[in-house]
Amino acid sequence: MAGGAQRVVAARRALEPATNLGAAGDERPSAPTGRTRTLALGLARRQKDGMAAIHQYEGQTHWRKADASTNPMNHEIEFSGRPLLHASGAPQFKGDASKVNPEELFVAALVSCQMLSYLALAGRAGVDVLAYDDRGTGTMTIADKRMRITEVRLRPRITIAAGSDEAKARSLVEAAHDACFIANSVACAVEVEPEIVVG
């Protein structure tokens, strides 16, 4: 583009899963429609072809009673031979603010899954993604008489190569949301506010 300037196309899209009432009155996510459904089903088909239908993931936690100088919420999380993750409770609940907490890991899982789903779909659709940066925030409050995370808001900034289809790049954000394993597994609303940058 002239003068090396980047053209920024900002779009806000609320991606709370739509619901239908089942036969017993339970709420179930509606299936995506149109192009979004085609892209999401295409990714699911490829995943089914390349992987087994059932997967299991394991995480371990280790906690030991410590002396009075150590926060009693501090613990370690281990994932099969990889470096230990030092964690604690959220600082709002007297945890150690210098360590990650379960609420942050929950948000991070949604951020990561949305990105990986997007990159997979973009590669298949011919959209050349140069960079992907996101800042997710989760809101926890009392709902239905229980303290829980009620909403996670993602703000991906996606940089695509000059000449890439901007409209397609933007539509893939919703398709990625529909294909995201973690978003499909949670009860809270997930909103995505994408910013598409051509550069």
N, C-alpha and C. Protein backbone atom coordinates (compact mmCIF):
# COMPACT_ATOMS: atom_id res chain seq x y z
N MET A 1 0.85 -1.19 0.00
CA MET A 1 0.00 0.00 0.00
C MET A 1 0.88 1.24 0.00
N ALA A 2 0.35 2.36 -0.47
CA ALA A 2 1.13 3.59 -0.63
C ALA A 2 1.75 3.99 0.69
N GLY A 3 3.08 4.37 0.61
CA GLY A 3 3.77 4.85 1.80
C GLY A 3 3.99 3.79 2.86
N GLY A 4 3.73 2.53 2.49
CA GLY A 4 3.93 1.44 3.44
C GLY A 4 2.91 1.43 4.56
N ALA A 5 1.87 2.23 4.43
CA ALA A 5 0.86 2.29 5.49
C ALA A 5 0.06 1.01 5.50
N GLN A 6 -0.41 0.67 6.66
CA GLN A 6 -1.25 -0.50 6.79
C GLN A 6 -2.70 -0.07 6.84
N ARG A 7 -3.55 -0.86 6.21
CA ARG A 7 -4.98 -0.59 6.26
C ARG A 7 -5.59 -1.52 7.30
N VAL A 8 -6.25 -0.95 8.28
CA VAL A 8 -6.82 -1.71 9.36
C VAL A 8 -8.32 -1.80 9.17
N VAL A 9 -8.82 -3.00 9.19
CA VAL A 9 -10.25 -3.21 9.09
C VAL A 9 -10.70 -3.82 10.41
N ALA A 10 -11.45 -3.07 11.19
CA ALA A 10 -11.89 -3.53 12.49
C ALA A 10 -13.31 -4.02 12.39
N ALA A 11 -13.60 -5.10 13.05
CA ALA A 11 -14.95 -5.63 13.04
C ALA A 11 -15.25 -6.21 14.40
N ARG A 12 -16.45 -6.03 14.85
CA ARG A 12 -16.86 -6.61 16.13
C ARG A 12 -17.96 -7.62 15.85
N ARG A 13 -17.79 -8.80 16.35
CA ARG A 13 -18.77 -9.84 16.11
C ARG A 13 -19.02 -10.60 17.41
N ALA A 14 -20.24 -10.58 17.88
CA ALA A 14 -20.58 -11.32 19.09
C ALA A 14 -20.83 -12.76 18.69
N LEU A 15 -20.14 -13.68 19.35
CA LEU A 15 -20.20 -15.08 18.96
C LEU A 15 -20.75 -15.94 20.08
N GLU A 16 -21.75 -15.46 20.76
CA GLU A 16 -22.39 -16.30 21.75
C GLU A 16 -23.10 -17.42 21.01
N PRO A 17 -22.91 -18.67 21.45
CA PRO A 17 -23.54 -19.77 20.72
C PRO A 17 -25.05 -19.68 20.78
N ALA A 18 -25.69 -19.74 19.59
CA ALA A 18 -27.14 -19.75 19.55
C ALA A 18 -27.63 -21.08 20.09
N THR A 19 -28.86 -21.11 20.62
CA THR A 19 -29.36 -22.34 21.21
C THR A 19 -30.72 -22.69 20.66
N ASN A 20 -31.03 -23.98 20.64
CA ASN A 20 -32.34 -24.48 20.32
C ASN A 20 -32.82 -25.32 21.49
N LEU A 21 -34.11 -25.43 21.67
CA LEU A 21 -34.64 -26.27 22.73
C LEU A 21 -34.80 -27.68 22.20
N GLY A 22 -34.24 -28.63 22.92
CA GLY A 22 -34.38 -30.02 22.54
C GLY A 22 -35.73 -30.55 22.95
N ALA A 23 -35.93 -31.84 22.73
CA ALA A 23 -37.21 -32.45 23.01
C ALA A 23 -37.57 -32.36 24.48
N ALA A 24 -36.56 -32.40 25.33
CA ALA A 24 -36.81 -32.35 26.77
C ALA A 24 -36.72 -30.94 27.32
N GLY A 25 -36.60 -29.94 26.41
CA GLY A 25 -36.52 -28.56 26.86
C GLY A 25 -35.13 -28.09 27.18
N ASP A 26 -34.12 -28.97 26.93
CA ASP A 26 -32.76 -28.55 27.24
C ASP A 26 -32.20 -27.72 26.11
N GLU A 27 -31.30 -26.79 26.44
CA GLU A 27 -30.73 -25.92 25.42
C GLU A 27 -29.54 -26.59 24.78
N ARG A 28 -29.51 -26.57 23.45
CA ARG A 28 -28.42 -27.17 22.71
C ARG A 28 -27.92 -26.18 21.68
N PRO A 29 -26.60 -26.12 21.45
CA PRO A 29 -26.07 -25.18 20.46
C PRO A 29 -26.63 -25.46 19.08
N SER A 30 -27.01 -24.39 18.37
CA SER A 30 -27.44 -24.53 17.00
C SER A 30 -26.24 -24.79 16.12
N ALA A 31 -26.46 -25.54 15.06
CA ALA A 31 -25.38 -25.79 14.12
C ALA A 31 -25.11 -24.54 13.30
N PRO A 32 -23.85 -24.26 12.94
CA PRO A 32 -23.55 -23.13 12.09
C PRO A 32 -24.17 -23.32 10.72
N THR A 33 -24.41 -22.23 10.02
CA THR A 33 -25.06 -22.31 8.72
C THR A 33 -24.17 -21.73 7.64
N GLY A 34 -24.52 -22.01 6.37
CA GLY A 34 -23.86 -21.40 5.23
C GLY A 34 -22.38 -21.70 5.16
N ARG A 35 -21.62 -20.67 4.74
CA ARG A 35 -20.18 -20.84 4.55
C ARG A 35 -19.47 -21.21 5.85
N THR A 36 -19.95 -20.63 6.95
CA THR A 36 -19.34 -20.95 8.24
C THR A 36 -19.47 -22.43 8.54
N ARG A 37 -20.65 -22.99 8.29
CA ARG A 37 -20.86 -24.42 8.54
C ARG A 37 -19.95 -25.26 7.64
N THR A 38 -19.82 -24.88 6.39
CA THR A 38 -18.98 -25.63 5.45
C THR A 38 -17.53 -25.66 5.91
N LEU A 39 -17.01 -24.50 6.33
CA LEU A 39 -15.62 -24.43 6.78
C LEU A 39 -15.41 -25.22 8.06
N ALA A 40 -16.34 -25.07 9.01
CA ALA A 40 -16.19 -25.77 10.28
C ALA A 40 -16.29 -27.27 10.10
N LEU A 41 -17.24 -27.73 9.28
CA LEU A 41 -17.38 -29.15 9.04
C LEU A 41 -16.19 -29.70 8.28
N GLY A 42 -15.63 -28.87 7.40
CA GLY A 42 -14.44 -29.30 6.66
C GLY A 42 -13.28 -29.56 7.60
N LEU A 43 -13.10 -28.67 8.57
CA LEU A 43 -12.02 -28.85 9.54
C LEU A 43 -12.29 -30.09 10.38
N ALA A 44 -13.53 -30.27 10.82
CA ALA A 44 -13.87 -31.43 11.63
C ALA A 44 -13.63 -32.72 10.85
N ARG A 45 -13.95 -32.70 9.55
CA ARG A 45 -13.75 -33.89 8.72
C ARG A 45 -12.28 -34.24 8.62
N ARG A 46 -11.44 -33.22 8.41
CA ARG A 46 -10.01 -33.45 8.32
C ARG A 46 -9.47 -33.99 9.64
N GLN A 47 -9.98 -33.45 10.75
CA GLN A 47 -9.51 -33.90 12.05
C GLN A 47 -9.91 -35.35 12.29
N LYS A 48 -11.10 -35.71 11.87
CA LYS A 48 -11.56 -37.08 12.06
C LYS A 48 -10.75 -38.04 11.19
N ASP A 49 -10.42 -37.61 9.97
CA ASP A 49 -9.64 -38.46 9.08
C ASP A 49 -8.23 -38.69 9.61
N GLY A 50 -7.66 -37.67 10.26
CA GLY A 50 -6.27 -37.75 10.67
C GLY A 50 -6.07 -38.21 12.10
N MET A 51 -7.12 -38.30 12.90
CA MET A 51 -6.95 -38.63 14.30
C MET A 51 -8.05 -39.59 14.74
N ALA A 52 -7.84 -40.26 15.86
CA ALA A 52 -8.87 -41.13 16.41
C ALA A 52 -10.06 -40.30 16.87
N ALA A 53 -11.21 -40.95 17.00
CA ALA A 53 -12.44 -40.22 17.35
C ALA A 53 -12.48 -39.81 18.81
N ILE A 54 -11.71 -40.47 19.67
CA ILE A 54 -11.71 -40.17 21.10
C ILE A 54 -10.29 -39.83 21.54
N HIS A 55 -10.15 -38.73 22.27
CA HIS A 55 -8.84 -38.30 22.76
C HIS A 55 -8.93 -38.05 24.25
N GLN A 56 -7.86 -38.29 24.95
CA GLN A 56 -7.81 -38.02 26.37
C GLN A 56 -6.61 -37.14 26.68
N TYR A 57 -6.79 -36.21 27.60
CA TYR A 57 -5.73 -35.28 27.99
C TYR A 57 -5.59 -35.32 29.50
N GLU A 58 -4.37 -35.27 29.97
CA GLU A 58 -4.12 -35.45 31.39
C GLU A 58 -3.33 -34.28 31.97
N GLY A 59 -3.75 -33.84 33.12
CA GLY A 59 -3.00 -32.84 33.88
C GLY A 59 -2.90 -33.32 35.32
N GLN A 60 -1.78 -33.06 35.95
CA GLN A 60 -1.58 -33.47 37.34
C GLN A 60 -1.31 -32.24 38.20
N THR A 61 -1.71 -32.31 39.45
CA THR A 61 -1.41 -31.22 40.37
C THR A 61 -0.72 -31.79 41.61
N HIS A 62 0.19 -31.01 42.18
CA HIS A 62 0.94 -31.43 43.36
C HIS A 62 0.91 -30.29 44.38
N TRP A 63 0.48 -30.61 45.58
CA TRP A 63 0.43 -29.63 46.67
C TRP A 63 0.96 -30.28 47.95
N ARG A 64 1.76 -29.55 48.67
CA ARG A 64 2.25 -30.02 49.96
C ARG A 64 2.10 -28.89 50.98
N LYS A 65 1.78 -29.24 52.19
CA LYS A 65 1.68 -28.24 53.25
C LYS A 65 3.05 -27.61 53.46
N ALA A 66 3.07 -26.28 53.46
CA ALA A 66 4.35 -25.57 53.58
C ALA A 66 4.37 -24.75 54.87
N ASP A 67 5.47 -24.03 55.06
CA ASP A 67 5.57 -23.21 56.27
C ASP A 67 4.76 -21.93 56.11
N ALA A 68 4.72 -21.14 57.17
CA ALA A 68 3.87 -19.95 57.20
C ALA A 68 4.28 -18.88 56.20
N SER A 69 5.49 -18.96 55.67
CA SER A 69 5.96 -17.94 54.72
C SER A 69 5.49 -18.21 53.28
N THR A 70 4.90 -19.37 53.05
CA THR A 70 4.46 -19.74 51.70
C THR A 70 2.94 -19.66 51.61
N ASN A 71 2.45 -19.10 50.51
CA ASN A 71 0.99 -19.01 50.32
C ASN A 71 0.40 -20.43 50.25
N PRO A 72 -0.58 -20.72 51.09
CA PRO A 72 -1.13 -22.09 51.13
C PRO A 72 -1.85 -22.50 49.85
N MET A 73 -2.10 -21.55 48.95
CA MET A 73 -2.74 -21.89 47.68
C MET A 73 -1.74 -22.26 46.59
N ASN A 74 -0.47 -22.07 46.84
CA ASN A 74 0.54 -22.38 45.83
C ASN A 74 0.61 -23.88 45.57
N HIS A 75 0.73 -24.22 44.30
CA HIS A 75 0.83 -25.63 43.92
C HIS A 75 1.51 -25.74 42.57
N GLU A 76 1.75 -26.94 42.13
CA GLU A 76 2.37 -27.17 40.84
C GLU A 76 1.43 -27.95 39.95
N ILE A 77 1.44 -27.62 38.65
CA ILE A 77 0.66 -28.36 37.65
C ILE A 77 1.65 -29.00 36.69
N GLU A 78 1.44 -30.26 36.40
CA GLU A 78 2.38 -31.01 35.57
C GLU A 78 1.66 -31.62 34.38
N PHE A 79 2.29 -31.54 33.21
CA PHE A 79 1.76 -32.15 32.00
C PHE A 79 2.81 -33.08 31.41
N SER A 80 2.77 -34.33 31.76
CA SER A 80 3.55 -35.40 31.16
C SER A 80 4.96 -35.04 30.72
N GLY A 81 5.84 -34.87 31.70
CA GLY A 81 7.24 -34.71 31.38
C GLY A 81 7.68 -33.33 30.95
N ARG A 82 6.76 -32.38 30.86
CA ARG A 82 7.12 -31.01 30.51
C ARG A 82 7.40 -30.20 31.78
N PRO A 83 7.98 -29.01 31.63
CA PRO A 83 8.32 -28.22 32.82
C PRO A 83 7.09 -27.97 33.70
N LEU A 84 7.31 -27.98 34.99
CA LEU A 84 6.22 -27.74 35.93
C LEU A 84 5.69 -26.32 35.79
N LEU A 85 4.39 -26.17 35.95
CA LEU A 85 3.75 -24.86 35.94
C LEU A 85 3.42 -24.50 37.38
N HIS A 86 3.97 -23.40 37.85
CA HIS A 86 3.73 -22.97 39.23
C HIS A 86 2.47 -22.11 39.27
N ALA A 87 1.51 -22.55 40.05
CA ALA A 87 0.19 -21.91 40.06
C ALA A 87 -0.24 -21.59 41.48
N SER A 88 -1.32 -20.82 41.56
CA SER A 88 -1.89 -20.45 42.85
C SER A 88 -3.35 -20.10 42.64
N GLY A 89 -4.00 -19.65 43.70
CA GLY A 89 -5.35 -19.15 43.55
C GLY A 89 -5.31 -17.73 42.97
N ALA A 90 -6.44 -17.25 42.50
CA ALA A 90 -6.52 -15.87 42.01
C ALA A 90 -6.27 -14.91 43.17
N PRO A 91 -5.64 -13.77 42.91
CA PRO A 91 -5.37 -12.83 44.00
C PRO A 91 -6.62 -12.33 44.70
N GLN A 92 -7.75 -12.32 44.00
CA GLN A 92 -9.01 -11.91 44.63
C GLN A 92 -9.42 -12.87 45.75
N PHE A 93 -8.86 -14.08 45.70
CA PHE A 93 -9.17 -15.08 46.73
C PHE A 93 -7.94 -15.42 47.56
N LYS A 94 -7.04 -14.42 47.70
CA LYS A 94 -5.84 -14.51 48.52
C LYS A 94 -4.78 -15.44 47.96
N GLY A 95 -4.80 -15.63 46.64
CA GLY A 95 -3.76 -16.41 46.00
C GLY A 95 -2.53 -15.56 45.72
N ASP A 96 -1.48 -16.19 45.23
CA ASP A 96 -0.22 -15.52 44.91
C ASP A 96 -0.32 -14.90 43.52
N ALA A 97 -0.32 -13.57 43.45
CA ALA A 97 -0.50 -12.86 42.18
C ALA A 97 0.67 -13.06 41.22
N SER A 98 1.80 -13.55 41.70
CA SER A 98 2.96 -13.76 40.83
C SER A 98 2.87 -15.07 40.04
N LYS A 99 1.84 -15.87 40.32
CA LYS A 99 1.67 -17.16 39.66
C LYS A 99 0.35 -17.20 38.91
N VAL A 100 0.29 -18.08 37.91
CA VAL A 100 -0.96 -18.21 37.15
C VAL A 100 -2.02 -18.86 38.03
N ASN A 101 -3.28 -18.63 37.67
CA ASN A 101 -4.38 -19.23 38.43
C ASN A 101 -5.35 -19.92 37.48
N PRO A 102 -6.25 -20.76 37.99
CA PRO A 102 -7.16 -21.52 37.13
C PRO A 102 -8.03 -20.65 36.22
N GLU A 103 -8.42 -19.48 36.73
CA GLU A 103 -9.26 -18.60 35.91
C GLU A 103 -8.50 -18.11 34.68
N GLU A 104 -7.23 -17.76 34.86
CA GLU A 104 -6.41 -17.31 33.74
C GLU A 104 -6.15 -18.46 32.76
N LEU A 105 -5.94 -19.65 33.28
CA LEU A 105 -5.71 -20.80 32.40
C LEU A 105 -6.96 -21.12 31.58
N PHE A 106 -8.12 -20.91 32.17
CA PHE A 106 -9.38 -21.11 31.44
C PHE A 106 -9.47 -20.16 30.26
N VAL A 107 -9.18 -18.88 30.51
CA VAL A 107 -9.21 -17.89 29.42
C VAL A 107 -8.15 -18.21 28.38
N ALA A 108 -6.95 -18.59 28.84
CA ALA A 108 -5.86 -18.90 27.91
C ALA A 108 -6.22 -20.08 27.01
N ALA A 109 -6.93 -21.06 27.53
CA ALA A 109 -7.33 -22.21 26.72
C ALA A 109 -8.24 -21.77 25.57
N LEU A 110 -9.15 -20.85 25.84
CA LEU A 110 -10.04 -20.34 24.79
C LEU A 110 -9.28 -19.50 23.78
N VAL A 111 -8.36 -18.66 24.25
CA VAL A 111 -7.54 -17.84 23.36
C VAL A 111 -6.73 -18.73 22.42
N SER A 112 -6.07 -19.73 22.97
CA SER A 112 -5.22 -20.61 22.19
C SER A 112 -6.02 -21.44 21.19
N CYS A 113 -7.13 -21.98 21.63
CA CYS A 113 -7.95 -22.83 20.76
C CYS A 113 -8.54 -22.03 19.60
N GLN A 114 -9.01 -20.82 19.88
CA GLN A 114 -9.54 -19.96 18.81
C GLN A 114 -8.46 -19.68 17.77
N MET A 115 -7.25 -19.38 18.23
CA MET A 115 -6.15 -19.09 17.30
C MET A 115 -5.80 -20.30 16.45
N LEU A 116 -5.65 -21.46 17.07
CA LEU A 116 -5.28 -22.66 16.33
C LEU A 116 -6.35 -23.04 15.31
N SER A 117 -7.61 -22.90 15.69
CA SER A 117 -8.71 -23.19 14.75
C SER A 117 -8.67 -22.22 13.58
N TYR A 118 -8.42 -20.94 13.89
CA TYR A 118 -8.36 -19.93 12.82
C TYR A 118 -7.22 -20.22 11.86
N LEU A 119 -6.04 -20.51 12.38
CA LEU A 119 -4.89 -20.75 11.51
C LEU A 119 -5.11 -21.97 10.63
N ALA A 120 -5.76 -23.00 11.17
CA ALA A 120 -6.04 -24.19 10.37
C ALA A 120 -7.00 -23.87 9.23
N LEU A 121 -8.05 -23.12 9.53
CA LEU A 121 -9.03 -22.76 8.50
C LEU A 121 -8.43 -21.79 7.49
N ALA A 122 -7.64 -20.85 7.95
CA ALA A 122 -7.02 -19.88 7.05
C ALA A 122 -6.10 -20.57 6.06
N GLY A 123 -5.32 -21.53 6.55
CA GLY A 123 -4.44 -22.26 5.66
C GLY A 123 -5.20 -23.00 4.58
N ARG A 124 -6.31 -23.57 4.95
CA ARG A 124 -7.13 -24.31 3.97
C ARG A 124 -7.81 -23.35 2.99
N ALA A 125 -8.18 -22.15 3.46
CA ALA A 125 -8.90 -21.21 2.62
C ALA A 125 -7.98 -20.33 1.78
N GLY A 126 -6.67 -20.48 1.95
CA GLY A 126 -5.74 -19.68 1.17
C GLY A 126 -5.52 -18.28 1.68
N VAL A 127 -5.84 -18.02 2.94
CA VAL A 127 -5.59 -16.71 3.54
C VAL A 127 -4.21 -16.77 4.20
N ASP A 128 -3.31 -15.89 3.76
CA ASP A 128 -1.93 -15.88 4.25
C ASP A 128 -1.85 -15.04 5.52
N VAL A 129 -1.81 -15.70 6.67
CA VAL A 129 -1.76 -15.01 7.96
C VAL A 129 -0.30 -14.77 8.34
N LEU A 130 0.05 -13.51 8.58
CA LEU A 130 1.42 -13.15 8.95
C LEU A 130 1.62 -13.09 10.46
N ALA A 131 0.58 -12.71 11.18
CA ALA A 131 0.68 -12.61 12.64
C ALA A 131 -0.71 -12.71 13.26
N TYR A 132 -0.74 -13.22 14.47
CA TYR A 132 -2.01 -13.35 15.21
C TYR A 132 -1.71 -13.05 16.67
N ASP A 133 -2.32 -12.00 17.19
CA ASP A 133 -2.14 -11.60 18.59
C ASP A 133 -3.52 -11.44 19.22
N ASP A 134 -3.66 -11.93 20.44
CA ASP A 134 -4.97 -11.85 21.09
C ASP A 134 -4.79 -11.48 22.56
N ARG A 135 -5.80 -10.83 23.09
CA ARG A 135 -5.85 -10.50 24.52
C ARG A 135 -7.24 -10.86 25.01
N GLY A 136 -7.34 -11.96 25.72
CA GLY A 136 -8.65 -12.41 26.20
C GLY A 136 -8.89 -11.98 27.63
N THR A 137 -10.14 -11.71 27.94
CA THR A 137 -10.53 -11.37 29.32
C THR A 137 -11.76 -12.18 29.70
N GLY A 138 -11.75 -12.69 30.91
CA GLY A 138 -12.89 -13.44 31.40
C GLY A 138 -13.57 -12.70 32.53
N THR A 139 -14.87 -12.76 32.57
CA THR A 139 -15.65 -12.11 33.63
C THR A 139 -16.27 -13.18 34.53
N MET A 140 -15.98 -13.09 35.82
CA MET A 140 -16.55 -14.03 36.78
C MET A 140 -17.45 -13.28 37.74
N THR A 141 -18.64 -13.81 37.92
CA THR A 141 -19.61 -13.18 38.81
C THR A 141 -20.59 -14.25 39.27
N ILE A 142 -21.55 -13.86 40.09
CA ILE A 142 -22.57 -14.81 40.52
C ILE A 142 -23.68 -14.87 39.48
N ALA A 143 -23.96 -16.06 39.00
CA ALA A 143 -25.04 -16.29 38.04
C ALA A 143 -25.69 -17.62 38.40
N ASP A 144 -26.98 -17.65 38.36
CA ASP A 144 -27.73 -18.86 38.75
C ASP A 144 -27.32 -19.33 40.15
N LYS A 145 -27.08 -18.34 41.03
CA LYS A 145 -26.75 -18.59 42.44
C LYS A 145 -25.39 -19.27 42.63
N ARG A 146 -24.54 -19.20 41.59
CA ARG A 146 -23.20 -19.78 41.71
C ARG A 146 -22.17 -18.81 41.15
N MET A 147 -21.01 -18.78 41.77
CA MET A 147 -19.91 -17.99 41.23
C MET A 147 -19.32 -18.74 40.06
N ARG A 148 -19.27 -18.10 38.90
CA ARG A 148 -18.73 -18.77 37.72
C ARG A 148 -18.30 -17.74 36.68
N ILE A 149 -17.52 -18.18 35.71
CA ILE A 149 -17.16 -17.32 34.59
C ILE A 149 -18.35 -17.29 33.64
N THR A 150 -18.86 -16.10 33.42
CA THR A 150 -20.07 -15.95 32.60
C THR A 150 -19.78 -15.52 31.17
N GLU A 151 -18.60 -14.93 30.95
CA GLU A 151 -18.27 -14.45 29.61
C GLU A 151 -16.77 -14.39 29.44
N VAL A 152 -16.32 -14.75 28.25
CA VAL A 152 -14.94 -14.55 27.85
C VAL A 152 -14.94 -13.75 26.56
N ARG A 153 -14.18 -12.67 26.55
CA ARG A 153 -14.10 -11.80 25.38
C ARG A 153 -12.70 -11.90 24.77
N LEU A 154 -12.65 -12.25 23.50
CA LEU A 154 -11.39 -12.37 22.77
C LEU A 154 -11.24 -11.19 21.82
N ARG A 155 -10.03 -10.68 21.69
CA ARG A 155 -9.78 -9.54 20.82
C ARG A 155 -8.59 -9.84 19.89
N PRO A 156 -8.77 -10.77 18.97
CA PRO A 156 -7.64 -11.10 18.10
C PRO A 156 -7.32 -9.99 17.11
N ARG A 157 -6.03 -9.71 16.94
CA ARG A 157 -5.55 -8.80 15.91
C ARG A 157 -4.80 -9.66 14.89
N ILE A 158 -5.40 -9.81 13.73
CA ILE A 158 -4.92 -10.75 12.74
C ILE A 158 -4.35 -9.99 11.56
N THR A 159 -3.07 -10.19 11.30
CA THR A 159 -2.41 -9.53 10.19
C THR A 159 -2.30 -10.50 9.03
N ILE A 160 -2.83 -10.10 7.88
CA ILE A 160 -2.79 -10.96 6.70
C ILE A 160 -1.95 -10.28 5.61
N ALA A 161 -1.44 -11.09 4.69
CA ALA A 161 -0.58 -10.57 3.63
C ALA A 161 -1.39 -9.72 2.66
N ALA A 162 -0.72 -8.71 2.07
CA ALA A 162 -1.36 -7.90 1.04
C ALA A 162 -1.84 -8.81 -0.09
N GLY A 163 -3.04 -8.55 -0.56
CA GLY A 163 -3.62 -9.37 -1.62
C GLY A 163 -4.52 -10.48 -1.11
N SER A 164 -4.49 -10.74 0.21
CA SER A 164 -5.39 -11.73 0.79
C SER A 164 -6.81 -11.17 0.85
N ASP A 165 -7.78 -12.04 0.85
CA ASP A 165 -9.20 -11.67 0.85
C ASP A 165 -9.60 -11.25 2.27
N GLU A 166 -9.84 -9.95 2.49
CA GLU A 166 -10.19 -9.46 3.83
C GLU A 166 -11.52 -10.00 4.32
N ALA A 167 -12.50 -10.03 3.41
CA ALA A 167 -13.82 -10.52 3.81
C ALA A 167 -13.75 -11.98 4.24
N LYS A 168 -12.98 -12.77 3.52
CA LYS A 168 -12.82 -14.17 3.87
C LYS A 168 -12.09 -14.30 5.20
N ALA A 169 -11.05 -13.48 5.38
CA ALA A 169 -10.30 -13.51 6.64
C ALA A 169 -11.20 -13.22 7.82
N ARG A 170 -12.12 -12.28 7.65
CA ARG A 170 -13.03 -11.91 8.73
C ARG A 170 -14.05 -13.02 8.98
N SER A 171 -14.57 -13.62 7.92
CA SER A 171 -15.58 -14.66 8.08
C SER A 171 -14.99 -15.90 8.77
N LEU A 172 -13.70 -16.11 8.61
CA LEU A 172 -13.06 -17.26 9.24
C LEU A 172 -13.02 -17.16 10.75
N VAL A 173 -13.16 -15.95 11.29
CA VAL A 173 -13.17 -15.78 12.75
C VAL A 173 -14.36 -16.53 13.34
N GLU A 174 -15.52 -16.36 12.73
CA GLU A 174 -16.72 -17.05 13.22
C GLU A 174 -16.62 -18.55 12.98
N ALA A 175 -16.09 -18.92 11.81
CA ALA A 175 -15.93 -20.34 11.52
C ALA A 175 -14.99 -21.00 12.53
N ALA A 176 -13.93 -20.29 12.90
CA ALA A 176 -12.99 -20.83 13.88
C ALA A 176 -13.66 -20.98 15.24
N HIS A 177 -14.52 -20.05 15.59
CA HIS A 177 -15.25 -20.14 16.85
C HIS A 177 -16.12 -21.40 16.86
N ASP A 178 -16.80 -21.65 15.74
CA ASP A 178 -17.66 -22.82 15.66
C ASP A 178 -16.86 -24.12 15.71
N ALA A 179 -15.60 -24.08 15.24
CA ALA A 179 -14.77 -25.29 15.20
C ALA A 179 -13.94 -25.48 16.46
N CYS A 180 -13.86 -24.47 17.31
CA CYS A 180 -12.98 -24.52 18.49
C CYS A 180 -13.49 -25.56 19.50
N PHE A 181 -12.66 -26.54 19.80
CA PHE A 181 -13.05 -27.60 20.72
C PHE A 181 -13.37 -27.05 22.11
N ILE A 182 -12.56 -26.10 22.57
CA ILE A 182 -12.73 -25.59 23.93
C ILE A 182 -14.00 -24.73 24.02
N ALA A 183 -14.22 -23.85 23.03
CA ALA A 183 -15.44 -23.04 23.03
C ALA A 183 -16.69 -23.92 22.99
N ASN A 184 -16.59 -25.04 22.29
CA ASN A 184 -17.73 -25.96 22.21
C ASN A 184 -17.95 -26.72 23.52
N SER A 185 -17.02 -26.61 24.44
CA SER A 185 -17.08 -27.38 25.69
C SER A 185 -17.50 -26.55 26.90
N VAL A 186 -17.63 -25.24 26.74
CA VAL A 186 -17.89 -24.39 27.90
C VAL A 186 -19.32 -23.87 27.88
N ALA A 187 -19.80 -23.49 29.07
CA ALA A 187 -21.18 -23.00 29.19
C ALA A 187 -21.27 -21.48 29.09
N CYS A 188 -20.15 -20.77 29.27
CA CYS A 188 -20.20 -19.31 29.26
C CYS A 188 -20.25 -18.79 27.82
N ALA A 189 -20.66 -17.54 27.68
CA ALA A 189 -20.66 -16.88 26.38
C ALA A 189 -19.22 -16.57 25.98
N VAL A 190 -18.91 -16.71 24.70
CA VAL A 190 -17.60 -16.35 24.18
C VAL A 190 -17.81 -15.34 23.06
N GLU A 191 -17.30 -14.13 23.24
CA GLU A 191 -17.43 -13.09 22.24
C GLU A 191 -16.06 -12.82 21.61
N VAL A 192 -16.05 -12.62 20.30
CA VAL A 192 -14.81 -12.36 19.59
C VAL A 192 -14.92 -11.04 18.86
N GLU A 193 -14.00 -10.14 19.13
CA GLU A 193 -13.97 -8.83 18.47
C GLU A 193 -12.69 -8.76 17.64
N PRO A 194 -12.76 -9.18 16.38
CA PRO A 194 -11.53 -9.25 15.58
C PRO A 194 -11.15 -7.92 14.95
N GLU A 195 -9.85 -7.77 14.76
CA GLU A 195 -9.31 -6.64 14.00
C GLU A 195 -8.44 -7.27 12.91
N ILE A 196 -8.79 -7.00 11.65
CA ILE A 196 -8.06 -7.55 10.52
C ILE A 196 -7.14 -6.46 9.98
N VAL A 197 -5.83 -6.76 9.92
CA VAL A 197 -4.85 -5.81 9.45
C VAL A 197 -4.22 -6.37 8.18
N VAL A 198 -4.18 -5.55 7.12
CA VAL A 198 -3.52 -5.93 5.88
C VAL A 198 -2.17 -5.24 5.84
N GLY A 199 -1.11 -6.02 5.76
CA GLY A 199 0.20 -5.39 5.79
C GLY A 199 1.27 -6.29 5.21
